[in-house]
């Protein structure tokens, strides 16, 4: 099953939004979004703060933030 994930974050006082289509491959939508968020953070040399996560239009920001503890 494929889902559309949209992640909004703040990096160096800039609001950034990225989205993409991802295959779940047995993962939950929260885990798929969290895995992509980890990749995005690795790309950011100055760090990034998660603002919002949407999966197929559903806001799952709090669920993704819980995985980041």
N, C-alpha and C. Protein backbone atom coordinates (compact mmCIF):
# COMPACT_ATOMS: atom_id res chain seq x y z
N UNK A 1 0.84 -1.18 0.00
CA UNK A 1 0.00 0.00 0.00
C UNK A 1 0.89 1.25 0.00
N UNK A 2 0.53 2.21 -0.83
CA UNK A 2 1.27 3.47 -0.89
C UNK A 2 0.51 4.56 -0.16
N UNK A 3 1.26 5.45 0.49
CA UNK A 3 0.67 6.61 1.17
C UNK A 3 1.42 7.86 0.75
N UNK A 4 0.72 8.99 0.82
CA UNK A 4 1.34 10.29 0.54
C UNK A 4 1.66 10.94 1.88
N UNK A 5 2.94 11.20 2.11
CA UNK A 5 3.39 11.80 3.37
C UNK A 5 3.85 13.22 3.08
N UNK A 6 3.38 14.15 3.90
CA UNK A 6 3.78 15.55 3.81
C UNK A 6 4.34 15.96 5.17
N UNK A 7 5.57 16.41 5.19
CA UNK A 7 6.24 16.83 6.43
C UNK A 7 6.59 18.31 6.33
N UNK A 8 6.14 19.07 7.32
CA UNK A 8 6.49 20.49 7.42
C UNK A 8 7.42 20.64 8.62
N UNK A 9 8.49 21.40 8.43
CA UNK A 9 9.44 21.60 9.52
C UNK A 9 10.08 22.97 9.40
N UNK A 10 10.78 23.35 10.46
CA UNK A 10 11.46 24.64 10.51
C UNK A 10 12.96 24.38 10.63
N UNK A 11 13.72 25.00 9.73
CA UNK A 11 15.17 24.87 9.75
C UNK A 11 15.77 26.26 9.52
N UNK A 12 16.54 26.71 10.46
CA UNK A 12 17.18 28.02 10.40
C UNK A 12 16.17 29.12 10.08
N UNK A 13 15.08 29.14 10.84
CA UNK A 13 14.02 30.14 10.71
C UNK A 13 13.31 30.13 9.36
N UNK A 14 13.42 29.05 8.63
CA UNK A 14 12.72 28.88 7.36
C UNK A 14 11.70 27.76 7.49
N UNK A 15 10.48 28.00 7.02
CA UNK A 15 9.47 26.96 6.98
C UNK A 15 9.66 26.16 5.69
N UNK A 16 9.75 24.85 5.85
CA UNK A 16 9.99 23.98 4.71
C UNK A 16 8.93 22.89 4.70
N UNK A 17 8.47 22.50 3.50
CA UNK A 17 7.52 21.41 3.37
C UNK A 17 8.03 20.45 2.31
N UNK A 18 8.02 19.17 2.65
CA UNK A 18 8.40 18.15 1.68
C UNK A 18 7.30 17.10 1.66
N UNK A 19 7.07 16.53 0.49
CA UNK A 19 6.08 15.46 0.40
C UNK A 19 6.54 14.42 -0.60
N UNK A 20 6.07 13.22 -0.36
CA UNK A 20 6.42 12.13 -1.25
C UNK A 20 5.50 10.95 -1.05
N UNK A 21 5.54 10.04 -2.00
CA UNK A 21 4.73 8.83 -1.95
C UNK A 21 5.63 7.69 -1.49
N UNK A 22 5.14 6.92 -0.50
CA UNK A 22 5.96 5.87 0.09
C UNK A 22 5.19 4.56 0.18
N UNK A 23 5.89 3.48 -0.04
CA UNK A 23 5.35 2.14 0.13
C UNK A 23 5.47 1.78 1.61
N UNK A 24 4.42 1.28 2.22
CA UNK A 24 4.46 0.96 3.65
C UNK A 24 5.30 -0.29 3.94
N UNK A 25 5.23 -1.30 3.09
CA UNK A 25 6.01 -2.53 3.27
C UNK A 25 5.91 -3.09 4.69
N UNK A 26 4.69 -3.20 5.20
CA UNK A 26 4.48 -3.78 6.52
C UNK A 26 4.62 -2.81 7.68
N UNK A 27 5.05 -1.59 7.42
CA UNK A 27 5.18 -0.59 8.48
C UNK A 27 3.85 0.13 8.68
N UNK A 28 3.69 0.73 9.84
CA UNK A 28 2.54 1.60 10.05
C UNK A 28 2.83 2.92 9.35
N UNK A 29 1.79 3.70 9.12
CA UNK A 29 2.01 5.00 8.48
C UNK A 29 2.85 5.92 9.37
N UNK A 30 2.70 5.78 10.71
CA UNK A 30 3.50 6.59 11.64
C UNK A 30 4.98 6.23 11.53
N UNK A 31 5.27 4.93 11.44
CA UNK A 31 6.67 4.49 11.35
C UNK A 31 7.29 4.91 10.03
N UNK A 32 6.52 4.83 8.94
CA UNK A 32 7.03 5.25 7.63
C UNK A 32 7.35 6.75 7.65
N UNK A 33 6.45 7.55 8.24
CA UNK A 33 6.69 8.99 8.32
C UNK A 33 7.88 9.29 9.22
N UNK A 34 8.00 8.58 10.33
CA UNK A 34 9.12 8.79 11.24
C UNK A 34 10.45 8.44 10.57
N UNK A 35 10.48 7.33 9.84
CA UNK A 35 11.71 6.94 9.13
C UNK A 35 12.14 8.02 8.14
N UNK A 36 11.17 8.59 7.42
CA UNK A 36 11.51 9.66 6.48
C UNK A 36 11.95 10.92 7.22
N UNK A 37 11.32 11.23 8.34
CA UNK A 37 11.72 12.39 9.15
C UNK A 37 13.17 12.23 9.61
N UNK A 38 13.57 11.02 10.00
CA UNK A 38 14.96 10.78 10.40
C UNK A 38 15.90 11.06 9.23
N UNK A 39 15.54 10.65 8.02
CA UNK A 39 16.36 10.93 6.83
C UNK A 39 16.49 12.43 6.59
N UNK A 40 15.38 13.14 6.71
CA UNK A 40 15.39 14.59 6.50
C UNK A 40 16.31 15.26 7.51
N UNK A 41 16.23 14.86 8.77
CA UNK A 41 17.08 15.47 9.81
C UNK A 41 18.55 15.23 9.53
N UNK A 42 18.89 14.06 9.01
CA UNK A 42 20.29 13.77 8.68
C UNK A 42 20.80 14.70 7.59
N UNK A 43 19.92 15.13 6.69
CA UNK A 43 20.31 16.02 5.60
C UNK A 43 20.49 17.46 6.05
N UNK A 44 19.93 17.84 7.18
CA UNK A 44 19.95 19.22 7.64
C UNK A 44 21.19 19.47 8.50
N UNK A 45 22.16 20.23 8.00
CA UNK A 45 23.37 20.49 8.78
C UNK A 45 23.11 21.37 10.01
N UNK A 46 22.02 22.13 10.01
CA UNK A 46 21.74 23.04 11.11
C UNK A 46 20.59 22.57 11.98
N UNK A 47 20.11 21.37 11.76
CA UNK A 47 19.00 20.84 12.54
C UNK A 47 17.66 21.28 11.99
N UNK A 48 16.61 20.65 12.50
CA UNK A 48 15.26 20.95 12.04
C UNK A 48 14.28 20.59 13.15
N UNK A 49 13.22 21.36 13.26
CA UNK A 49 12.16 21.11 14.24
C UNK A 49 10.89 20.74 13.50
N UNK A 50 10.33 19.58 13.85
CA UNK A 50 9.13 19.08 13.22
C UNK A 50 7.94 19.98 13.54
N UNK A 51 7.19 20.35 12.50
CA UNK A 51 6.02 21.20 12.68
C UNK A 51 4.74 20.40 12.46
N UNK A 52 4.62 19.71 11.34
CA UNK A 52 3.39 18.98 11.04
C UNK A 52 3.68 17.80 10.13
N UNK A 53 2.95 16.69 10.37
CA UNK A 53 3.05 15.51 9.52
C UNK A 53 1.64 15.12 9.08
N UNK A 54 1.45 15.05 7.77
CA UNK A 54 0.17 14.61 7.22
C UNK A 54 0.40 13.35 6.40
N UNK A 55 -0.46 12.37 6.60
CA UNK A 55 -0.43 11.15 5.79
C UNK A 55 -1.80 11.01 5.14
N UNK A 56 -1.83 11.08 3.83
CA UNK A 56 -3.10 11.05 3.09
C UNK A 56 -4.10 12.04 3.67
N UNK A 57 -3.62 13.22 4.06
CA UNK A 57 -4.47 14.29 4.57
C UNK A 57 -4.78 14.21 6.06
N UNK A 58 -4.37 13.15 6.74
CA UNK A 58 -4.62 12.97 8.17
C UNK A 58 -3.42 13.47 8.98
N UNK A 59 -3.67 14.32 9.96
CA UNK A 59 -2.60 14.87 10.80
C UNK A 59 -2.17 13.83 11.83
N UNK A 60 -0.92 13.36 11.72
CA UNK A 60 -0.39 12.37 12.66
C UNK A 60 0.86 12.91 13.36
N UNK A 61 0.96 14.22 13.47
CA UNK A 61 2.14 14.87 14.05
C UNK A 61 2.45 14.33 15.44
N UNK A 62 1.46 14.26 16.30
CA UNK A 62 1.70 13.81 17.68
C UNK A 62 2.19 12.36 17.72
N UNK A 63 1.66 11.51 16.87
CA UNK A 63 2.09 10.10 16.84
C UNK A 63 3.55 9.98 16.41
N UNK A 64 3.96 10.79 15.45
CA UNK A 64 5.35 10.76 14.99
C UNK A 64 6.27 11.32 16.07
N UNK A 65 5.85 12.38 16.73
CA UNK A 65 6.67 12.96 17.81
C UNK A 65 6.84 11.97 18.96
N UNK A 66 5.84 11.14 19.24
CA UNK A 66 5.96 10.13 20.29
C UNK A 66 7.03 9.11 19.95
N UNK A 67 7.20 8.79 18.68
CA UNK A 67 8.23 7.85 18.27
C UNK A 67 9.63 8.43 18.41
N UNK A 68 9.73 9.74 18.50
CA UNK A 68 11.02 10.43 18.55
C UNK A 68 11.55 10.59 19.98
N UNK A 69 10.88 10.00 20.94
CA UNK A 69 11.33 10.15 22.34
C UNK A 69 12.48 9.26 22.68
